[in-house]
Amino acid sequence: MGPDGEYAAAASYTAVLDAFGQVEPYATIQAAEQRHIDALTRQLQRLGVTPPPTPYLGRVAAPATLAAAAQAWADGEVANVALYDTLLAAVSGDPGLTRVFTNLRRASADMHLPAFRAAAASGGALTAAQLTELGLH
């Protein structure tokens, strides 16, 4: 739920979509972040913890350009992977959390990070063909 987590990521992508429209890969990955939040919420509920509200939505500003956003969000995905590495080490005794954290780490490392790196190399956005090539469509 911190600045490297799913709430912050979802708010960041929403800010970009609000500023620049339904541009890719932000739209596709923002939808994925909501699925990640839902998966984490289910785990919290399983553990009897009430999920906190997001402190980020509406409080994160989009970068001035899509190129800057793509680079910033690529850096954010690197931090997100590191966060999941830390979390995985802490929950090794809980198979449910281990599975969810592993899946979310994989999505960040193998899907989101390459997409934002490709977007940064393409001026900040991706075409439908590029999304398909990256396995996001």
N, C-alpha and C. Protein backbone atom coordinates (compact mmCIF):
# COMPACT_ATOMS: atom_id res chain seq x y z
N MET A 1 0.82 -1.20 0.00
CA MET A 1 0.00 0.00 0.00
C MET A 1 0.86 1.26 0.00
N GLY A 2 2.18 1.09 -0.02
CA GLY A 2 3.09 2.23 0.02
C GLY A 2 3.34 2.82 -1.35
N PRO A 3 4.31 3.72 -1.43
CA PRO A 3 4.56 4.44 -2.69
C PRO A 3 5.08 3.55 -3.83
N ASP A 4 5.53 2.34 -3.53
CA ASP A 4 5.98 1.42 -4.57
C ASP A 4 4.94 0.34 -4.85
N GLY A 5 3.78 0.45 -4.25
CA GLY A 5 2.77 -0.59 -4.35
C GLY A 5 1.69 -0.33 -5.39
N GLU A 6 0.69 -1.17 -5.33
CA GLU A 6 -0.36 -1.19 -6.35
C GLU A 6 -1.26 0.05 -6.30
N TYR A 7 -1.60 0.55 -5.11
CA TYR A 7 -2.43 1.74 -5.04
C TYR A 7 -1.74 2.92 -5.73
N ALA A 8 -0.47 3.11 -5.44
CA ALA A 8 0.27 4.23 -6.03
C ALA A 8 0.38 4.07 -7.54
N ALA A 9 0.64 2.83 -7.99
CA ALA A 9 0.76 2.58 -9.43
C ALA A 9 -0.57 2.88 -10.14
N ALA A 10 -1.66 2.37 -9.58
CA ALA A 10 -2.97 2.60 -10.21
C ALA A 10 -3.27 4.09 -10.29
N ALA A 11 -2.98 4.83 -9.23
CA ALA A 11 -3.23 6.27 -9.23
C ALA A 11 -2.34 6.97 -10.26
N SER A 12 -1.11 6.51 -10.41
CA SER A 12 -0.19 7.11 -11.38
C SER A 12 -0.70 6.92 -12.81
N TYR A 13 -1.15 5.72 -13.11
CA TYR A 13 -1.64 5.45 -14.46
C TYR A 13 -2.94 6.19 -14.73
N THR A 14 -3.78 6.31 -13.71
CA THR A 14 -5.01 7.08 -13.85
C THR A 14 -4.70 8.54 -14.14
N ALA A 15 -3.69 9.09 -13.48
CA ALA A 15 -3.30 10.48 -13.72
C ALA A 15 -2.86 10.67 -15.17
N VAL A 16 -2.11 9.72 -15.71
CA VAL A 16 -1.66 9.81 -17.11
C VAL A 16 -2.87 9.73 -18.04
N LEU A 17 -3.78 8.80 -17.77
CA LEU A 17 -4.96 8.66 -18.62
C LEU A 17 -5.84 9.91 -18.56
N ASP A 18 -5.96 10.51 -17.39
CA ASP A 18 -6.73 11.74 -17.27
C ASP A 18 -6.08 12.88 -18.06
N ALA A 19 -4.75 12.91 -18.05
CA ALA A 19 -4.03 14.00 -18.73
C ALA A 19 -3.92 13.81 -20.23
N PHE A 20 -3.75 12.56 -20.69
CA PHE A 20 -3.42 12.30 -22.09
C PHE A 20 -4.44 11.45 -22.84
N GLY A 21 -5.49 10.98 -22.16
CA GLY A 21 -6.47 10.13 -22.81
C GLY A 21 -6.11 8.65 -22.71
N GLN A 22 -6.86 7.83 -23.40
CA GLN A 22 -6.71 6.38 -23.32
C GLN A 22 -5.51 5.90 -24.14
N VAL A 23 -4.33 6.30 -23.70
CA VAL A 23 -3.10 5.96 -24.39
C VAL A 23 -2.51 4.68 -23.78
N GLU A 24 -1.83 3.94 -24.63
CA GLU A 24 -1.20 2.69 -24.19
C GLU A 24 0.28 2.90 -23.94
N PRO A 25 0.85 2.15 -23.04
CA PRO A 25 0.33 0.99 -22.32
C PRO A 25 -0.39 1.32 -21.02
N TYR A 26 -0.59 2.61 -20.74
CA TYR A 26 -1.15 3.03 -19.46
C TYR A 26 -2.56 2.47 -19.23
N ALA A 27 -3.40 2.48 -20.25
CA ALA A 27 -4.77 1.99 -20.08
C ALA A 27 -4.78 0.50 -19.76
N THR A 28 -4.02 -0.27 -20.49
CA THR A 28 -3.99 -1.72 -20.26
C THR A 28 -3.40 -2.04 -18.90
N ILE A 29 -2.32 -1.36 -18.54
CA ILE A 29 -1.66 -1.67 -17.27
C ILE A 29 -2.46 -1.12 -16.10
N GLN A 30 -3.17 -0.02 -16.27
CA GLN A 30 -4.02 0.49 -15.20
C GLN A 30 -5.10 -0.54 -14.86
N ALA A 31 -5.66 -1.18 -15.88
CA ALA A 31 -6.66 -2.24 -15.64
C ALA A 31 -6.02 -3.42 -14.91
N ALA A 32 -4.79 -3.75 -15.26
CA ALA A 32 -4.08 -4.83 -14.57
C ALA A 32 -3.82 -4.46 -13.11
N GLU A 33 -3.49 -3.21 -12.85
CA GLU A 33 -3.24 -2.79 -11.47
C GLU A 33 -4.50 -2.95 -10.63
N GLN A 34 -5.65 -2.71 -11.22
CA GLN A 34 -6.89 -2.91 -10.46
C GLN A 34 -7.06 -4.39 -10.12
N ARG A 35 -6.71 -5.28 -11.04
CA ARG A 35 -6.77 -6.71 -10.74
C ARG A 35 -5.78 -7.07 -9.64
N HIS A 36 -4.62 -6.42 -9.63
CA HIS A 36 -3.63 -6.66 -8.59
C HIS A 36 -4.17 -6.21 -7.23
N ILE A 37 -4.79 -5.04 -7.21
CA ILE A 37 -5.39 -4.54 -5.97
C ILE A 37 -6.45 -5.51 -5.49
N ASP A 38 -7.27 -6.03 -6.40
CA ASP A 38 -8.32 -6.98 -6.03
C ASP A 38 -7.71 -8.25 -5.44
N ALA A 39 -6.61 -8.74 -6.02
CA ALA A 39 -5.96 -9.95 -5.50
C ALA A 39 -5.40 -9.70 -4.10
N LEU A 40 -4.79 -8.55 -3.90
CA LEU A 40 -4.25 -8.23 -2.58
C LEU A 40 -5.38 -8.02 -1.56
N THR A 41 -6.46 -7.40 -2.00
CA THR A 41 -7.62 -7.20 -1.12
C THR A 41 -8.17 -8.54 -0.65
N ARG A 42 -8.28 -9.50 -1.57
CA ARG A 42 -8.76 -10.84 -1.18
C ARG A 42 -7.84 -11.47 -0.13
N GLN A 43 -6.54 -11.28 -0.28
CA GLN A 43 -5.61 -11.84 0.70
C GLN A 43 -5.76 -11.16 2.06
N LEU A 44 -5.90 -9.85 2.05
CA LEU A 44 -6.11 -9.14 3.31
C LEU A 44 -7.40 -9.63 3.98
N GLN A 45 -8.46 -9.77 3.21
CA GLN A 45 -9.73 -10.22 3.76
C GLN A 45 -9.60 -11.65 4.30
N ARG A 46 -8.86 -12.49 3.61
CA ARG A 46 -8.63 -13.87 4.08
C ARG A 46 -7.94 -13.86 5.44
N LEU A 47 -7.08 -12.87 5.64
CA LEU A 47 -6.34 -12.76 6.90
C LEU A 47 -7.08 -11.95 7.96
N GLY A 48 -8.31 -11.51 7.63
CA GLY A 48 -9.11 -10.76 8.58
C GLY A 48 -8.73 -9.30 8.71
N VAL A 49 -8.07 -8.77 7.69
CA VAL A 49 -7.63 -7.38 7.70
C VAL A 49 -8.50 -6.57 6.74
N THR A 50 -9.00 -5.45 7.21
CA THR A 50 -9.78 -4.56 6.35
C THR A 50 -8.82 -3.76 5.48
N PRO A 51 -8.96 -3.86 4.16
CA PRO A 51 -8.06 -3.10 3.28
C PRO A 51 -8.23 -1.59 3.49
N PRO A 52 -7.12 -0.88 3.59
CA PRO A 52 -7.23 0.57 3.75
C PRO A 52 -7.64 1.22 2.43
N PRO A 53 -8.23 2.40 2.51
CA PRO A 53 -8.52 3.12 1.26
C PRO A 53 -7.21 3.62 0.65
N THR A 54 -7.24 3.84 -0.64
CA THR A 54 -6.05 4.36 -1.30
C THR A 54 -5.80 5.81 -0.91
N PRO A 55 -4.58 6.12 -0.51
CA PRO A 55 -4.27 7.52 -0.22
C PRO A 55 -3.77 8.28 -1.45
N TYR A 56 -3.69 7.61 -2.61
CA TYR A 56 -3.03 8.20 -3.78
C TYR A 56 -3.97 8.72 -4.86
N LEU A 57 -5.13 8.13 -5.01
CA LEU A 57 -6.01 8.48 -6.12
C LEU A 57 -6.37 9.97 -6.06
N GLY A 58 -6.13 10.65 -7.16
CA GLY A 58 -6.39 12.08 -7.24
C GLY A 58 -5.30 12.95 -6.64
N ARG A 59 -4.26 12.33 -6.12
CA ARG A 59 -3.17 13.09 -5.49
C ARG A 59 -1.84 12.92 -6.23
N VAL A 60 -1.86 12.16 -7.32
CA VAL A 60 -0.66 11.94 -8.11
C VAL A 60 -0.82 12.71 -9.41
N ALA A 61 0.15 13.51 -9.73
CA ALA A 61 0.11 14.28 -10.98
C ALA A 61 0.82 13.53 -12.08
N ALA A 62 0.30 13.65 -13.27
CA ALA A 62 0.96 13.06 -14.43
C ALA A 62 2.21 13.86 -14.76
N PRO A 63 3.26 13.19 -15.21
CA PRO A 63 4.42 13.94 -15.72
C PRO A 63 4.00 14.81 -16.90
N ALA A 64 4.86 15.75 -17.26
CA ALA A 64 4.54 16.71 -18.31
C ALA A 64 4.41 16.08 -19.69
N THR A 65 5.10 14.97 -19.92
CA THR A 65 5.05 14.31 -21.22
C THR A 65 4.86 12.81 -21.04
N LEU A 66 4.40 12.16 -22.10
CA LEU A 66 4.28 10.71 -22.06
C LEU A 66 5.65 10.03 -21.96
N ALA A 67 6.66 10.62 -22.58
CA ALA A 67 8.00 10.04 -22.49
C ALA A 67 8.49 10.05 -21.05
N ALA A 68 8.26 11.15 -20.36
CA ALA A 68 8.64 11.23 -18.95
C ALA A 68 7.83 10.25 -18.11
N ALA A 69 6.55 10.10 -18.43
CA ALA A 69 5.71 9.14 -17.71
C ALA A 69 6.21 7.72 -17.91
N ALA A 70 6.53 7.36 -19.14
CA ALA A 70 7.00 6.01 -19.43
C ALA A 70 8.27 5.70 -18.65
N GLN A 71 9.20 6.64 -18.61
CA GLN A 71 10.44 6.41 -17.87
C GLN A 71 10.17 6.33 -16.37
N ALA A 72 9.33 7.22 -15.88
CA ALA A 72 9.00 7.21 -14.45
C ALA A 72 8.32 5.91 -14.05
N TRP A 73 7.43 5.44 -14.89
CA TRP A 73 6.69 4.22 -14.53
C TRP A 73 7.57 2.99 -14.73
N ALA A 74 8.52 3.03 -15.63
CA ALA A 74 9.50 1.94 -15.73
C ALA A 74 10.29 1.87 -14.43
N ASP A 75 10.74 3.02 -13.95
CA ASP A 75 11.46 3.06 -12.67
C ASP A 75 10.57 2.57 -11.54
N GLY A 76 9.30 2.93 -11.60
CA GLY A 76 8.35 2.48 -10.59
C GLY A 76 8.17 0.98 -10.60
N GLU A 77 8.18 0.37 -11.77
CA GLU A 77 8.05 -1.09 -11.85
C GLU A 77 9.29 -1.78 -11.27
N VAL A 78 10.46 -1.19 -11.45
CA VAL A 78 11.67 -1.74 -10.84
C VAL A 78 11.52 -1.72 -9.31
N ALA A 79 11.02 -0.61 -8.77
CA ALA A 79 10.80 -0.51 -7.34
C ALA A 79 9.73 -1.49 -6.88
N ASN A 80 8.71 -1.71 -7.71
CA ASN A 80 7.64 -2.65 -7.38
C ASN A 80 8.18 -4.08 -7.31
N VAL A 81 9.04 -4.44 -8.23
CA VAL A 81 9.66 -5.78 -8.20
C VAL A 81 10.46 -5.94 -6.91
N ALA A 82 11.24 -4.93 -6.55
CA ALA A 82 12.03 -4.99 -5.32
C ALA A 82 11.11 -5.12 -4.09
N LEU A 83 9.99 -4.41 -4.10
CA LEU A 83 9.03 -4.52 -3.01
C LEU A 83 8.54 -5.96 -2.88
N TYR A 84 8.18 -6.59 -4.00
CA TYR A 84 7.70 -7.97 -3.94
C TYR A 84 8.80 -8.93 -3.52
N ASP A 85 10.04 -8.66 -3.87
CA ASP A 85 11.14 -9.49 -3.39
C ASP A 85 11.20 -9.45 -1.86
N THR A 86 11.05 -8.26 -1.30
CA THR A 86 11.05 -8.10 0.16
C THR A 86 9.84 -8.80 0.78
N LEU A 87 8.68 -8.60 0.19
CA LEU A 87 7.47 -9.21 0.73
C LEU A 87 7.52 -10.74 0.65
N LEU A 88 8.04 -11.27 -0.43
CA LEU A 88 8.13 -12.72 -0.58
C LEU A 88 9.02 -13.33 0.50
N ALA A 89 10.09 -12.67 0.84
CA ALA A 89 10.97 -13.17 1.89
C ALA A 89 10.26 -13.19 3.24
N ALA A 90 9.31 -12.28 3.43
CA ALA A 90 8.63 -12.16 4.72
C ALA A 90 7.45 -13.11 4.87
N VAL A 91 6.94 -13.69 3.78
CA VAL A 91 5.72 -14.50 3.88
C VAL A 91 5.94 -15.95 3.43
N SER A 92 7.15 -16.42 3.54
CA SER A 92 7.45 -17.75 3.00
C SER A 92 6.59 -18.86 3.61
N GLY A 93 6.01 -18.63 4.78
CA GLY A 93 5.17 -19.65 5.41
C GLY A 93 3.72 -19.61 4.99
N ASP A 94 3.33 -18.68 4.15
CA ASP A 94 1.93 -18.54 3.74
C ASP A 94 1.83 -18.80 2.25
N PRO A 95 1.36 -20.00 1.86
CA PRO A 95 1.31 -20.32 0.42
C PRO A 95 0.42 -19.39 -0.39
N GLY A 96 -0.68 -18.90 0.19
CA GLY A 96 -1.56 -18.00 -0.54
C GLY A 96 -0.89 -16.68 -0.86
N LEU A 97 -0.27 -16.08 0.15
CA LEU A 97 0.44 -14.82 -0.08
C LEU A 97 1.64 -15.03 -1.00
N THR A 98 2.34 -16.14 -0.82
CA THR A 98 3.49 -16.42 -1.68
C THR A 98 3.06 -16.50 -3.14
N ARG A 99 1.96 -17.18 -3.40
CA ARG A 99 1.46 -17.31 -4.77
C ARG A 99 1.07 -15.95 -5.35
N VAL A 100 0.31 -15.17 -4.59
CA VAL A 100 -0.14 -13.86 -5.08
C VAL A 100 1.05 -12.93 -5.29
N PHE A 101 1.95 -12.85 -4.33
CA PHE A 101 3.12 -11.97 -4.47
C PHE A 101 4.00 -12.40 -5.64
N THR A 102 4.14 -13.71 -5.83
CA THR A 102 4.94 -14.21 -6.96
C THR A 102 4.30 -13.81 -8.28
N ASN A 103 2.99 -13.97 -8.38
CA ASN A 103 2.28 -13.60 -9.61
C ASN A 103 2.37 -12.10 -9.88
N LEU A 104 2.23 -11.29 -8.85
CA LEU A 104 2.28 -9.85 -9.04
C LEU A 104 3.70 -9.39 -9.37
N ARG A 105 4.68 -10.02 -8.76
CA ARG A 105 6.08 -9.70 -9.08
C ARG A 105 6.36 -10.03 -10.54
N ARG A 106 5.89 -11.20 -10.97
CA ARG A 106 6.09 -11.62 -12.36
C ARG A 106 5.43 -10.66 -13.33
N ALA A 107 4.23 -10.21 -13.03
CA ALA A 107 3.55 -9.25 -13.91
C ALA A 107 4.35 -7.96 -14.02
N SER A 108 4.86 -7.48 -12.90
CA SER A 108 5.66 -6.25 -12.94
C SER A 108 6.94 -6.44 -13.73
N ALA A 109 7.66 -7.52 -13.45
CA ALA A 109 8.97 -7.74 -14.08
C ALA A 109 8.86 -8.14 -15.54
N ASP A 110 7.89 -9.00 -15.85
CA ASP A 110 7.84 -9.60 -17.18
C ASP A 110 6.87 -8.94 -18.15
N MET A 111 5.93 -8.15 -17.64
CA MET A 111 4.94 -7.52 -18.52
C MET A 111 5.01 -5.99 -18.44
N HIS A 112 4.85 -5.45 -17.25
CA HIS A 112 4.76 -4.00 -17.11
C HIS A 112 6.08 -3.30 -17.37
N LEU A 113 7.15 -3.79 -16.77
CA LEU A 113 8.45 -3.15 -16.97
C LEU A 113 8.87 -3.14 -18.44
N PRO A 114 8.80 -4.27 -19.16
CA PRO A 114 9.13 -4.21 -20.59
C PRO A 114 8.23 -3.27 -21.39
N ALA A 115 6.96 -3.18 -21.00
CA ALA A 115 6.04 -2.29 -21.72
C ALA A 115 6.43 -0.83 -21.52
N PHE A 116 6.75 -0.45 -20.30
CA PHE A 116 7.13 0.94 -20.07
C PHE A 116 8.50 1.25 -20.65
N ARG A 117 9.40 0.30 -20.63
CA ARG A 117 10.69 0.53 -21.29
C ARG A 117 10.50 0.71 -22.79
N ALA A 118 9.64 -0.10 -23.39
CA ALA A 118 9.36 0.04 -24.82
C ALA A 118 8.68 1.37 -25.11
N ALA A 119 7.76 1.76 -24.23
CA ALA A 119 7.08 3.05 -24.41
C ALA A 119 8.09 4.20 -24.31
N ALA A 120 8.99 4.12 -23.35
CA ALA A 120 10.01 5.17 -23.21
C ALA A 120 10.86 5.26 -24.47
N ALA A 121 11.17 4.12 -25.06
CA ALA A 121 11.98 4.11 -26.28
C ALA A 121 11.19 4.58 -27.50
N SER A 122 9.86 4.59 -27.39
CA SER A 122 9.00 5.00 -28.50
C SER A 122 8.38 6.37 -28.30
N GLY A 123 8.94 7.16 -27.42
CA GLY A 123 8.40 8.50 -27.20
C GLY A 123 7.33 8.58 -26.15
N GLY A 124 7.01 7.48 -25.48
CA GLY A 124 6.07 7.52 -24.36
C GLY A 124 4.82 6.70 -24.51
N ALA A 125 4.53 6.22 -25.70
CA ALA A 125 3.30 5.45 -25.91
C ALA A 125 3.59 4.24 -26.79
N LEU A 126 2.66 3.30 -26.79
CA LEU A 126 2.78 2.10 -27.62
C LEU A 126 1.56 1.97 -28.53
N THR A 127 1.79 1.36 -29.68
CA THR A 127 0.69 1.05 -30.61
C THR A 127 0.07 -0.29 -30.22
N ALA A 128 -1.06 -0.59 -30.81
CA ALA A 128 -1.69 -1.89 -30.58
C ALA A 128 -0.77 -3.03 -31.00
N ALA A 129 -0.05 -2.85 -32.09
CA ALA A 129 0.88 -3.88 -32.56
C ALA A 129 1.99 -4.10 -31.54
N GLN A 130 2.51 -3.02 -30.97
CA GLN A 130 3.56 -3.16 -29.96
C GLN A 130 3.02 -3.86 -28.70
N LEU A 131 1.80 -3.55 -28.31
CA LEU A 131 1.19 -4.22 -27.16
C LEU A 131 1.08 -5.71 -27.41
N THR A 132 0.64 -6.06 -28.61
CA THR A 132 0.51 -7.47 -28.97
C THR A 132 1.88 -8.16 -28.95
N GLU A 133 2.87 -7.49 -29.49
CA GLU A 133 4.22 -8.05 -29.51
C GLU A 133 4.74 -8.30 -28.09
N LEU A 134 4.36 -7.44 -27.17
CA LEU A 134 4.77 -7.59 -25.77
C LEU A 134 3.88 -8.56 -24.98
N GLY A 135 2.84 -9.06 -25.61
CA GLY A 135 1.95 -10.00 -24.95
C GLY A 135 0.90 -9.34 -24.06
N LEU A 136 0.64 -8.08 -24.28
CA LEU A 136 -0.33 -7.36 -23.47
C LEU A 136 -1.71 -7.29 -24.09
N HIS A 137 -1.85 -7.74 -25.30
CA HIS A 137 -3.18 -7.79 -25.96
C HIS A 137 -3.42 -9.16 -26.49
